[in-house]
Amino acid sequence: MNVYVYQADLWCEDCAIDVMTDIRRDHPEKEPEDPDDDVMFDSDDWPKGPYADGGGESDYPSHCAECGCFLENPLTDDGYAYVRQAVADAIRNGRTDSVAVTEWAPFYDIDVDIDVDIDVDIDAEEEEC
């Protein structure tokens, strides 16, 4: 999914287009002369992008700062461990409607019937360091 960086957050393409439309209407002076040349303007004033793959690899699943939609970004190994733990915790606590179970697990191909048995305690791993 393509994303934009705006005001220190990631935004989905639909929300970024909405904010660009609003800026053009309400503050036309903030629209850069060349929106494709993102070194010529600040992302506090105008969304930069689009960037592919949900903004790139991260330790956590990313969501749009405006609407909250899942941005489908790739994960690091730590990110996969985080998602597996979040899915396991959600199921263990009866929250099968959580974003970890309904969106992250299917996207990252985490089999909730098998992978939930892998109980990685991220906090414990961090404390041992």
N, C-alpha and C. Protein backbone atom coordinates (compact mmCIF):
# COMPACT_ATOMS: atom_id res chain seq x y z
N MET A 1 0.85 -1.18 0.00
CA MET A 1 0.00 0.00 0.00
C MET A 1 0.90 1.24 0.00
N ASN A 2 0.57 2.20 -0.82
CA ASN A 2 1.31 3.45 -0.84
C ASN A 2 0.93 4.30 0.36
N VAL A 3 1.95 4.96 0.94
CA VAL A 3 1.71 5.84 2.07
C VAL A 3 2.44 7.16 1.84
N TYR A 4 2.06 8.13 2.63
CA TYR A 4 2.68 9.45 2.62
C TYR A 4 3.14 9.77 4.03
N VAL A 5 4.16 10.61 4.12
CA VAL A 5 4.61 11.13 5.41
C VAL A 5 4.07 12.54 5.51
N TYR A 6 3.35 12.79 6.60
CA TYR A 6 2.77 14.12 6.81
C TYR A 6 2.75 14.39 8.31
N GLN A 7 3.35 15.50 8.69
CA GLN A 7 3.39 15.95 10.07
C GLN A 7 3.86 14.82 11.01
N ALA A 8 4.99 14.22 10.63
CA ALA A 8 5.69 13.19 11.42
C ALA A 8 4.90 11.91 11.61
N ASP A 9 3.98 11.62 10.71
CA ASP A 9 3.19 10.39 10.76
C ASP A 9 3.05 9.81 9.37
N LEU A 10 2.66 8.53 9.34
CA LEU A 10 2.33 7.88 8.07
C LEU A 10 0.83 8.01 7.82
N TRP A 11 0.50 8.32 6.58
CA TRP A 11 -0.90 8.48 6.17
C TRP A 11 -1.16 7.59 4.97
N CYS A 12 -2.32 6.97 4.93
CA CYS A 12 -2.70 6.19 3.75
C CYS A 12 -2.91 7.16 2.58
N GLU A 13 -2.92 6.60 1.39
CA GLU A 13 -3.03 7.43 0.19
C GLU A 13 -4.34 8.22 0.16
N ASP A 14 -5.44 7.59 0.53
CA ASP A 14 -6.74 8.29 0.50
C ASP A 14 -6.73 9.50 1.43
N CYS A 15 -6.23 9.33 2.65
CA CYS A 15 -6.21 10.44 3.61
C CYS A 15 -5.23 11.52 3.18
N ALA A 16 -4.09 11.11 2.61
CA ALA A 16 -3.12 12.10 2.13
C ALA A 16 -3.70 12.93 0.99
N ILE A 17 -4.42 12.27 0.10
CA ILE A 17 -5.05 13.00 -1.01
C ILE A 17 -6.10 13.96 -0.46
N ASP A 18 -6.85 13.53 0.54
CA ASP A 18 -7.84 14.42 1.17
C ASP A 18 -7.17 15.66 1.77
N VAL A 19 -6.06 15.47 2.48
CA VAL A 19 -5.40 16.61 3.11
C VAL A 19 -4.78 17.52 2.06
N MET A 20 -4.26 16.94 0.97
CA MET A 20 -3.72 17.79 -0.11
C MET A 20 -4.83 18.62 -0.75
N THR A 21 -5.99 18.02 -0.92
CA THR A 21 -7.14 18.73 -1.46
C THR A 21 -7.54 19.88 -0.53
N ASP A 22 -7.58 19.60 0.76
CA ASP A 22 -7.92 20.63 1.75
C ASP A 22 -6.90 21.77 1.75
N ILE A 23 -5.62 21.42 1.68
CA ILE A 23 -4.58 22.46 1.68
C ILE A 23 -4.70 23.31 0.42
N ARG A 24 -4.91 22.67 -0.72
CA ARG A 24 -5.07 23.43 -1.98
C ARG A 24 -6.23 24.42 -1.87
N ARG A 25 -7.31 23.98 -1.23
CA ARG A 25 -8.50 24.83 -1.11
C ARG A 25 -8.30 25.93 -0.07
N ASP A 26 -7.77 25.56 1.11
CA ASP A 26 -7.72 26.50 2.24
C ASP A 26 -6.42 27.28 2.35
N HIS A 27 -5.31 26.70 1.87
CA HIS A 27 -4.00 27.35 1.99
C HIS A 27 -3.18 27.09 0.72
N PRO A 28 -3.62 27.61 -0.41
CA PRO A 28 -2.93 27.32 -1.67
C PRO A 28 -1.45 27.72 -1.66
N GLU A 29 -1.08 28.65 -0.82
CA GLU A 29 0.32 29.07 -0.75
C GLU A 29 1.23 27.98 -0.20
N LYS A 30 0.67 26.98 0.46
CA LYS A 30 1.47 25.89 1.02
C LYS A 30 1.75 24.77 0.02
N GLU A 31 1.05 24.77 -1.12
CA GLU A 31 1.30 23.72 -2.11
C GLU A 31 2.65 23.97 -2.76
N PRO A 32 3.52 22.97 -2.76
CA PRO A 32 4.84 23.17 -3.37
C PRO A 32 4.73 23.34 -4.88
N GLU A 33 5.71 24.05 -5.44
CA GLU A 33 5.74 24.23 -6.89
C GLU A 33 5.84 22.89 -7.61
N ASP A 34 6.66 22.00 -7.05
CA ASP A 34 6.84 20.67 -7.64
C ASP A 34 6.66 19.62 -6.53
N PRO A 35 5.44 19.12 -6.33
CA PRO A 35 5.19 18.15 -5.26
C PRO A 35 5.98 16.85 -5.41
N ASP A 36 6.51 16.57 -6.60
CA ASP A 36 7.32 15.36 -6.80
C ASP A 36 8.76 15.53 -6.32
N ASP A 37 9.18 16.78 -6.11
CA ASP A 37 10.53 17.06 -5.63
C ASP A 37 10.46 17.28 -4.12
N ASP A 38 10.45 16.18 -3.38
CA ASP A 38 10.16 16.29 -1.94
C ASP A 38 11.30 16.87 -1.10
N VAL A 39 12.43 17.22 -1.71
CA VAL A 39 13.47 17.91 -0.95
C VAL A 39 13.20 19.41 -0.89
N MET A 40 12.24 19.86 -1.68
CA MET A 40 11.96 21.30 -1.76
C MET A 40 10.85 21.77 -0.83
N PHE A 41 10.30 20.85 -0.02
CA PHE A 41 9.25 21.28 0.91
C PHE A 41 9.31 20.41 2.16
N ASP A 42 8.65 20.88 3.19
CA ASP A 42 8.64 20.21 4.49
C ASP A 42 7.37 19.37 4.63
N SER A 43 7.51 18.18 5.15
CA SER A 43 6.34 17.30 5.32
C SER A 43 5.39 17.80 6.40
N ASP A 44 5.77 18.83 7.13
CA ASP A 44 4.82 19.45 8.06
C ASP A 44 3.79 20.28 7.30
N ASP A 45 4.17 20.73 6.08
CA ASP A 45 3.29 21.59 5.29
C ASP A 45 2.53 20.85 4.20
N TRP A 46 3.13 19.77 3.68
CA TRP A 46 2.54 19.06 2.54
C TRP A 46 2.98 17.60 2.62
N PRO A 47 2.10 16.66 2.38
CA PRO A 47 2.47 15.24 2.45
C PRO A 47 3.54 14.86 1.43
N LYS A 48 4.55 14.11 1.88
CA LYS A 48 5.60 13.60 0.99
C LYS A 48 5.29 12.15 0.65
N GLY A 49 5.52 11.82 -0.60
CA GLY A 49 5.27 10.46 -1.03
C GLY A 49 4.79 10.45 -2.46
N PRO A 50 4.26 9.36 -2.92
CA PRO A 50 3.96 8.15 -2.15
C PRO A 50 5.18 7.25 -1.98
N TYR A 51 5.17 6.50 -0.88
CA TYR A 51 6.17 5.50 -0.60
C TYR A 51 5.48 4.14 -0.59
N ALA A 52 6.09 3.18 -1.26
CA ALA A 52 5.49 1.85 -1.39
C ALA A 52 5.64 1.03 -0.11
N ASP A 53 4.98 -0.09 -0.08
CA ASP A 53 5.10 -1.08 1.01
C ASP A 53 4.78 -0.52 2.39
N GLY A 54 3.76 0.30 2.46
CA GLY A 54 3.33 0.80 3.77
C GLY A 54 4.37 1.61 4.49
N GLY A 55 5.31 2.18 3.75
CA GLY A 55 6.35 2.98 4.37
C GLY A 55 7.62 2.21 4.64
N GLY A 56 7.61 0.91 4.37
CA GLY A 56 8.82 0.11 4.54
C GLY A 56 8.82 -0.73 5.80
N GLU A 57 9.88 -1.52 5.94
CA GLU A 57 10.01 -2.48 7.03
C GLU A 57 10.05 -1.79 8.39
N SER A 58 9.37 -2.42 9.35
CA SER A 58 9.27 -1.84 10.68
C SER A 58 9.19 -2.95 11.72
N ASP A 59 9.38 -2.57 12.97
CA ASP A 59 9.24 -3.51 14.09
C ASP A 59 7.78 -3.69 14.51
N TYR A 60 6.88 -2.92 13.92
CA TYR A 60 5.46 -2.98 14.28
C TYR A 60 4.62 -2.78 13.02
N PRO A 61 3.42 -3.32 13.01
CA PRO A 61 2.49 -2.99 11.93
C PRO A 61 2.14 -1.51 11.99
N SER A 62 2.11 -0.86 10.83
CA SER A 62 1.81 0.57 10.78
C SER A 62 0.36 0.80 10.40
N HIS A 63 -0.18 1.91 10.91
CA HIS A 63 -1.56 2.31 10.64
C HIS A 63 -1.58 3.79 10.29
N CYS A 64 -2.53 4.18 9.47
CA CYS A 64 -2.69 5.57 9.07
C CYS A 64 -2.98 6.44 10.29
N ALA A 65 -2.27 7.55 10.38
CA ALA A 65 -2.46 8.47 11.51
C ALA A 65 -3.83 9.13 11.49
N GLU A 66 -4.45 9.21 10.33
CA GLU A 66 -5.75 9.89 10.22
C GLU A 66 -6.92 8.93 10.41
N CYS A 67 -6.98 7.87 9.62
CA CYS A 67 -8.16 6.99 9.65
C CYS A 67 -7.92 5.68 10.39
N GLY A 68 -6.65 5.34 10.64
CA GLY A 68 -6.33 4.13 11.38
C GLY A 68 -6.25 2.87 10.55
N CYS A 69 -6.39 2.96 9.23
CA CYS A 69 -6.34 1.74 8.42
C CYS A 69 -4.94 1.13 8.47
N PHE A 70 -4.89 -0.18 8.39
CA PHE A 70 -3.64 -0.94 8.41
C PHE A 70 -2.90 -0.68 7.10
N LEU A 71 -1.62 -0.32 7.17
CA LEU A 71 -0.86 0.09 5.99
C LEU A 71 -0.08 -1.05 5.32
N GLU A 72 -0.20 -2.25 5.84
CA GLU A 72 0.36 -3.45 5.22
C GLU A 72 1.86 -3.33 4.96
N ASN A 73 2.60 -2.87 5.96
CA ASN A 73 4.04 -2.74 5.84
C ASN A 73 4.75 -4.05 6.15
N PRO A 74 5.92 -4.28 5.54
CA PRO A 74 6.70 -5.46 5.88
C PRO A 74 7.27 -5.32 7.30
N LEU A 75 7.58 -6.46 7.91
CA LEU A 75 8.08 -6.48 9.28
C LEU A 75 9.49 -7.04 9.37
N THR A 76 10.21 -6.59 10.38
CA THR A 76 11.49 -7.20 10.75
C THR A 76 11.19 -8.50 11.50
N ASP A 77 12.22 -9.26 11.84
CA ASP A 77 12.02 -10.46 12.65
C ASP A 77 11.38 -10.10 13.99
N ASP A 78 11.82 -9.01 14.59
CA ASP A 78 11.21 -8.55 15.85
C ASP A 78 9.75 -8.19 15.64
N GLY A 79 9.45 -7.64 14.48
CA GLY A 79 8.06 -7.29 14.16
C GLY A 79 7.18 -8.52 14.08
N TYR A 80 7.69 -9.59 13.47
CA TYR A 80 6.91 -10.84 13.41
C TYR A 80 6.71 -11.41 14.81
N ALA A 81 7.73 -11.33 15.65
CA ALA A 81 7.59 -11.81 17.03
C ALA A 81 6.52 -10.99 17.75
N TYR A 82 6.53 -9.69 17.54
CA TYR A 82 5.54 -8.81 18.16
C TYR A 82 4.12 -9.19 17.74
N VAL A 83 3.94 -9.42 16.43
CA VAL A 83 2.61 -9.76 15.92
C VAL A 83 2.17 -11.12 16.45
N ARG A 84 3.07 -12.11 16.44
CA ARG A 84 2.71 -13.43 16.98
C ARG A 84 2.27 -13.32 18.44
N GLN A 85 2.99 -12.51 19.22
CA GLN A 85 2.63 -12.33 20.63
C GLN A 85 1.30 -11.60 20.76
N ALA A 86 1.08 -10.59 19.94
CA ALA A 86 -0.18 -9.84 20.00
C ALA A 86 -1.36 -10.73 19.64
N VAL A 87 -1.19 -11.58 18.65
CA VAL A 87 -2.25 -12.52 18.25
C VAL A 87 -2.52 -13.50 19.38
N ALA A 88 -1.45 -14.06 19.95
CA ALA A 88 -1.60 -15.02 21.05
C ALA A 88 -2.31 -14.37 22.24
N ASP A 89 -1.90 -13.16 22.60
CA ASP A 89 -2.53 -12.46 23.72
C ASP A 89 -4.00 -12.19 23.46
N ALA A 90 -4.31 -11.75 22.24
CA ALA A 90 -5.70 -11.44 21.90
C ALA A 90 -6.58 -12.68 22.01
N ILE A 91 -6.11 -13.78 21.45
CA ILE A 91 -6.92 -15.01 21.49
C ILE A 91 -7.04 -15.51 22.93
N ARG A 92 -5.95 -15.48 23.66
CA ARG A 92 -5.97 -15.93 25.06
C ARG A 92 -6.96 -15.11 25.89
N ASN A 93 -7.12 -13.84 25.55
CA ASN A 93 -8.02 -12.96 26.29
C ASN A 93 -9.40 -12.83 25.66
N GLY A 94 -9.69 -13.68 24.67
CA GLY A 94 -11.01 -13.69 24.05
C GLY A 94 -11.30 -12.51 23.15
N ARG A 95 -10.26 -11.82 22.70
CA ARG A 95 -10.44 -10.64 21.83
C ARG A 95 -10.20 -11.03 20.36
N THR A 96 -10.99 -11.97 19.88
CA THR A 96 -10.80 -12.45 18.51
C THR A 96 -11.19 -11.42 17.46
N ASP A 97 -11.78 -10.32 17.88
CA ASP A 97 -12.11 -9.25 16.95
C ASP A 97 -11.03 -8.16 16.93
N SER A 98 -9.91 -8.40 17.60
CA SER A 98 -8.85 -7.40 17.64
C SER A 98 -8.15 -7.29 16.29
N VAL A 99 -7.50 -6.17 16.06
CA VAL A 99 -6.78 -5.94 14.80
C VAL A 99 -5.67 -6.97 14.62
N ALA A 100 -5.09 -7.45 15.69
CA ALA A 100 -4.04 -8.46 15.59
C ALA A 100 -4.57 -9.73 14.93
N VAL A 101 -5.78 -10.12 15.30
CA VAL A 101 -6.37 -11.36 14.77
C VAL A 101 -7.03 -11.12 13.41
N THR A 102 -7.75 -10.03 13.27
CA THR A 102 -8.54 -9.82 12.05
C THR A 102 -7.74 -9.26 10.87
N GLU A 103 -6.68 -8.49 11.13
CA GLU A 103 -5.93 -7.88 10.04
C GLU A 103 -4.48 -8.33 9.97
N TRP A 104 -3.76 -8.27 11.10
CA TRP A 104 -2.34 -8.59 11.07
C TRP A 104 -2.08 -10.06 10.77
N ALA A 105 -2.76 -10.95 11.49
CA ALA A 105 -2.51 -12.40 11.30
C ALA A 105 -2.72 -12.83 9.85
N PRO A 106 -3.84 -12.47 9.22
CA PRO A 106 -4.01 -12.89 7.82
C PRO A 106 -2.97 -12.26 6.88
N PHE A 107 -2.66 -10.99 7.08
CA PHE A 107 -1.73 -10.32 6.18
C PHE A 107 -0.32 -10.91 6.29
N TYR A 108 0.12 -11.15 7.53
CA TYR A 108 1.47 -11.68 7.75
C TYR A 108 1.51 -13.20 7.74
N ASP A 109 0.41 -13.81 7.34
CA ASP A 109 0.32 -15.26 7.18
C ASP A 109 0.65 -16.00 8.47
N ILE A 110 0.07 -15.52 9.56
CA ILE A 110 0.24 -16.16 10.86
C ILE A 110 -0.97 -17.04 11.11
N ASP A 111 -0.73 -18.33 11.17
CA ASP A 111 -1.80 -19.30 11.40
C ASP A 111 -2.16 -19.25 12.88
N VAL A 112 -3.32 -18.69 13.19
CA VAL A 112 -3.69 -18.50 14.59
C VAL A 112 -3.86 -19.81 15.33
N ASP A 113 -4.16 -20.90 14.64
CA ASP A 113 -4.30 -22.19 15.32
C ASP A 113 -2.96 -22.77 15.73
N ILE A 114 -1.91 -22.46 14.99
CA ILE A 114 -0.59 -23.02 15.29
C ILE A 114 0.28 -21.99 16.00
N ASP A 115 0.38 -20.79 15.41
CA ASP A 115 1.33 -19.80 15.92
C ASP A 115 0.97 -19.25 17.29
N VAL A 116 -0.27 -19.38 17.69
CA VAL A 116 -0.63 -18.86 19.01
C VAL A 116 0.01 -19.67 20.11
N ASP A 117 0.37 -20.90 19.80
CA ASP A 117 1.02 -21.71 20.82
C ASP A 117 2.45 -21.24 21.09
N ILE A 118 3.01 -20.45 20.18
CA ILE A 118 4.35 -19.91 20.38
C ILE A 118 4.19 -18.68 21.26
N ASP A 119 4.55 -18.81 22.50
CA ASP A 119 4.36 -17.72 23.45
C ASP A 119 5.69 -17.01 23.67
N VAL A 120 5.94 -16.00 22.88
CA VAL A 120 7.17 -15.23 23.00
C VAL A 120 6.89 -14.07 23.93
N ASP A 121 7.58 -14.03 25.04
CA ASP A 121 7.39 -12.95 26.00
C ASP A 121 8.40 -11.85 25.67
N ILE A 122 7.95 -10.88 24.88
CA ILE A 122 8.83 -9.81 24.41
C ILE A 122 9.39 -9.03 25.57
N ASP A 123 8.56 -8.72 26.59
CA ASP A 123 9.05 -7.95 27.73
C ASP A 123 10.15 -8.70 28.47
N ALA A 124 10.00 -10.00 28.64
CA ALA A 124 11.01 -10.79 29.34
C ALA A 124 12.32 -10.80 28.56
N GLU A 125 12.21 -10.90 27.22
CA GLU A 125 13.42 -10.90 26.40
C GLU A 125 14.16 -9.57 26.54
N GLU A 126 13.45 -8.49 26.60
CA GLU A 126 14.08 -7.18 26.73
C GLU A 126 14.72 -7.02 28.09
N GLU A 127 14.11 -7.56 29.13
CA GLU A 127 14.65 -7.41 30.48
C GLU A 127 15.94 -8.20 30.67
N GLU A 128 16.10 -9.29 29.93
CA GLU A 128 17.30 -10.11 30.07
C GLU A 128 18.53 -9.44 29.50
N CYS A 129 18.38 -8.50 28.62
CA CYS A 129 19.53 -7.86 27.97
C CYS A 129 20.34 -7.03 28.93
